[in-house]
Structure formats: C-alpha cells, structure tokens
Amino acid sequence: NCYGCQDFHPFEDGHHNTVLASLRTEVSKIIAISDSTRQSGINPAMIQLEGVMEQVKAVISRCKVCRGGQHAQ
C-alpha cells in the first residue's frame, strides 16, 4: 500500500477520493461476507482496510492543505 509508505509523494490532483470510495466498497463486501459466515468480529482484512482508509484520508487532508484549502480529488 503506497499510501502508508513514507516515500509516497502523491499527486495533489490525484483521485484519492475515488480510492477511498473503492476501499469503502471493499469494506462493505467484506462485512457482508463476514456477516454471512458469522465471523464479523474476527476479520483481519477489515483491520487492514481500515488502516489503509485512514492513510488515504490523511493524504486527502495533506493535498487539501497543499492546494490552499481547495477540495482535493
């Protein structure tokens, strides 16, 4: 996951919100699968995806600051 790498230098106009939306879709799928197998409380993939989503949110915030408070994609 590039978003968590300290050497990652994202494009300010990158489509980071699209990445975040895709991750949210994946989380929804994992929740559905976990619920169907009654394993909702012990899914390591969820923990990993939640961490990645926080890293993407941090990049979005940094890009927003770099662009002077404009809405970053």
C-alpha atoms as a PDB file:
ATOM      1  CA  ASN A   1       0.000   0.000   0.000  1.00  0.00           C
ATOM      2  CA  CYS A   2       1.694   3.151  -1.229  1.00  0.00           C
ATOM      3  CA  TYR A   3      -0.431   5.419   0.948  1.00  0.00           C
ATOM      4  CA  GLY A   4       1.300   4.148   4.072  1.00  0.00           C
ATOM      5  CA  CYS A   5       4.845   4.427   2.696  1.00  0.00           C
ATOM      6  CA  GLN A   6       6.904   7.347   3.976  1.00  0.00           C
ATOM      7  CA  ASP A   7       8.402   7.725   0.484  1.00  0.00           C
ATOM      8  CA  PHE A   8       4.972   8.128  -1.145  1.00  0.00           C
ATOM      9  CA  HIS A   9       4.579  11.558  -2.737  1.00  0.00           C
ATOM     10  CA  PRO A  10       1.007  11.707  -4.029  1.00  0.00           C
ATOM     11  CA  PHE A  11      -0.134  13.977  -6.819  1.00  0.00           C
ATOM     12  CA  GLU A  12      -2.064  16.869  -5.315  1.00  0.00           C
ATOM     13  CA  ASP A  13      -4.708  16.441  -8.013  1.00  0.00           C
ATOM     14  CA  GLY A  14      -4.796  12.648  -7.748  1.00  0.00           C
ATOM     15  CA  HIS A  15      -8.064  10.783  -7.494  1.00  0.00           C
ATOM     16  CA  HIS A  16      -7.656   9.975  -3.803  1.00  0.00           C
ATOM     17  CA  ASN A  17     -11.366  10.298  -3.042  1.00  0.00           C
ATOM     18  CA  THR A  18     -12.030   7.661  -5.706  1.00  0.00           C
ATOM     19  CA  VAL A  19      -9.525   5.370  -3.995  1.00  0.00           C
ATOM     20  CA  LEU A  20     -11.280   5.963  -0.677  1.00  0.00           C
ATOM     21  CA  ALA A  21     -14.682   5.214  -2.221  1.00  0.00           C
ATOM     22  CA  SER A  22     -13.319   1.964  -3.668  1.00  0.00           C
ATOM     23  CA  LEU A  23     -11.955   0.949  -0.287  1.00  0.00           C
ATOM     24  CA  ARG A  24     -15.324   1.655   1.309  1.00  0.00           C
ATOM     25  CA  THR A  25     -16.938  -0.609  -1.297  1.00  0.00           C
ATOM     26  CA  GLU A  26     -14.466  -3.363  -0.422  1.00  0.00           C
ATOM     27  CA  VAL A  27     -15.194  -2.917   3.286  1.00  0.00           C
ATOM     28  CA  SER A  28     -18.916  -3.303   2.582  1.00  0.00           C
ATOM     29  CA  LYS A  29     -18.239  -6.535   0.685  1.00  0.00           C
ATOM     30  CA  ILE A  30     -16.066  -7.887   3.491  1.00  0.00           C
ATOM     31  CA  ILE A  31     -18.710  -7.017   6.072  1.00  0.00           C
ATOM     32  CA  ALA A  32     -21.334  -8.868   4.035  1.00  0.00           C
ATOM     33  CA  ILE A  33     -19.099 -11.933   3.721  1.00  0.00           C
ATOM     34  CA  SER A  34     -18.179 -11.838   7.415  1.00  0.00           C
ATOM     35  CA  ASP A  35     -21.795 -11.492   8.454  1.00  0.00           C
ATOM     36  CA  SER A  36     -22.847 -14.383   6.237  1.00  0.00           C
ATOM     37  CA  THR A  37     -20.258 -16.633   7.873  1.00  0.00           C
ATOM     38  CA  ARG A  38     -20.897 -15.276  11.377  1.00  0.00           C
ATOM     39  CA  GLN A  39     -17.265 -14.144  11.646  1.00  0.00           C
ATOM     40  CA  SER A  40     -17.873 -10.394  11.942  1.00  0.00           C
ATOM     41  CA  GLY A  41     -15.715  -9.870  14.991  1.00  0.00           C
ATOM     42  CA  ILE A  42     -12.538 -11.572  13.788  1.00  0.00           C
ATOM     43  CA  ASN A  43     -11.710 -10.404  10.288  1.00  0.00           C
ATOM     44  CA  PRO A  44      -8.085  -9.237   9.900  1.00  0.00           C
ATOM     45  CA  ALA A  45      -8.810  -7.914   6.406  1.00  0.00           C
ATOM     46  CA  MET A  46     -11.154  -5.340   7.928  1.00  0.00           C
ATOM     47  CA  ILE A  47      -8.463  -4.096  10.279  1.00  0.00           C
ATOM     48  CA  GLN A  48      -6.013  -3.741   7.407  1.00  0.00           C
ATOM     49  CA  LEU A  49      -8.505  -1.958   5.155  1.00  0.00           C
ATOM     50  CA  GLU A  50      -9.486   0.437   7.929  1.00  0.00           C
ATOM     51  CA  GLY A  51      -5.812   1.344   8.358  1.00  0.00           C
ATOM     52  CA  VAL A  52      -5.403   1.933   4.632  1.00  0.00           C
ATOM     53  CA  MET A  53      -8.531   4.100   4.599  1.00  0.00           C
ATOM     54  CA  GLU A  54      -7.073   6.263   7.390  1.00  0.00           C
ATOM     55  CA  GLN A  55      -3.860   6.659   5.390  1.00  0.00           C
ATOM     56  CA  VAL A  56      -5.833   7.696   2.290  1.00  0.00           C
ATOM     57  CA  LYS A  57      -7.803  10.217   4.382  1.00  0.00           C
ATOM     58  CA  ALA A  58      -4.512  11.652   5.663  1.00  0.00           C
ATOM     59  CA  VAL A  59      -3.251  12.056   2.080  1.00  0.00           C
ATOM     60  CA  ILE A  60      -6.510  13.768   1.105  1.00  0.00           C
ATOM     61  CA  SER A  61      -6.073  16.195   4.012  1.00  0.00           C
ATOM     62  CA  ARG A  62      -2.440  16.895   3.112  1.00  0.00           C
ATOM     63  CA  CYS A  63      -3.349  17.519  -0.526  1.00  0.00           C
ATOM     64  CA  LYS A  64      -6.149  19.835   0.539  1.00  0.00           C
ATOM     65  CA  VAL A  65      -3.715  21.875   2.655  1.00  0.00           C
ATOM     66  CA  CYS A  66      -1.156  21.972  -0.176  1.00  0.00           C
ATOM     67  CA  ARG A  67      -3.810  23.249  -2.567  1.00  0.00           C
ATOM     68  CA  GLY A  68      -4.752  26.066  -0.215  1.00  0.00           C
ATOM     69  CA  GLY A  69      -7.890  24.510   1.220  1.00  0.00           C
ATOM     70  CA  GLN A  70      -9.486  23.691  -2.129  1.00  0.00           C
ATOM     71  CA  HIS A  71     -11.377  20.411  -2.496  1.00  0.00           C
ATOM     72  CA  ALA A  72      -8.827  17.734  -3.465  1.00  0.00           C
ATOM     73  CA  GLN A  73      -9.899  14.785  -5.582  1.00  0.00           C
END
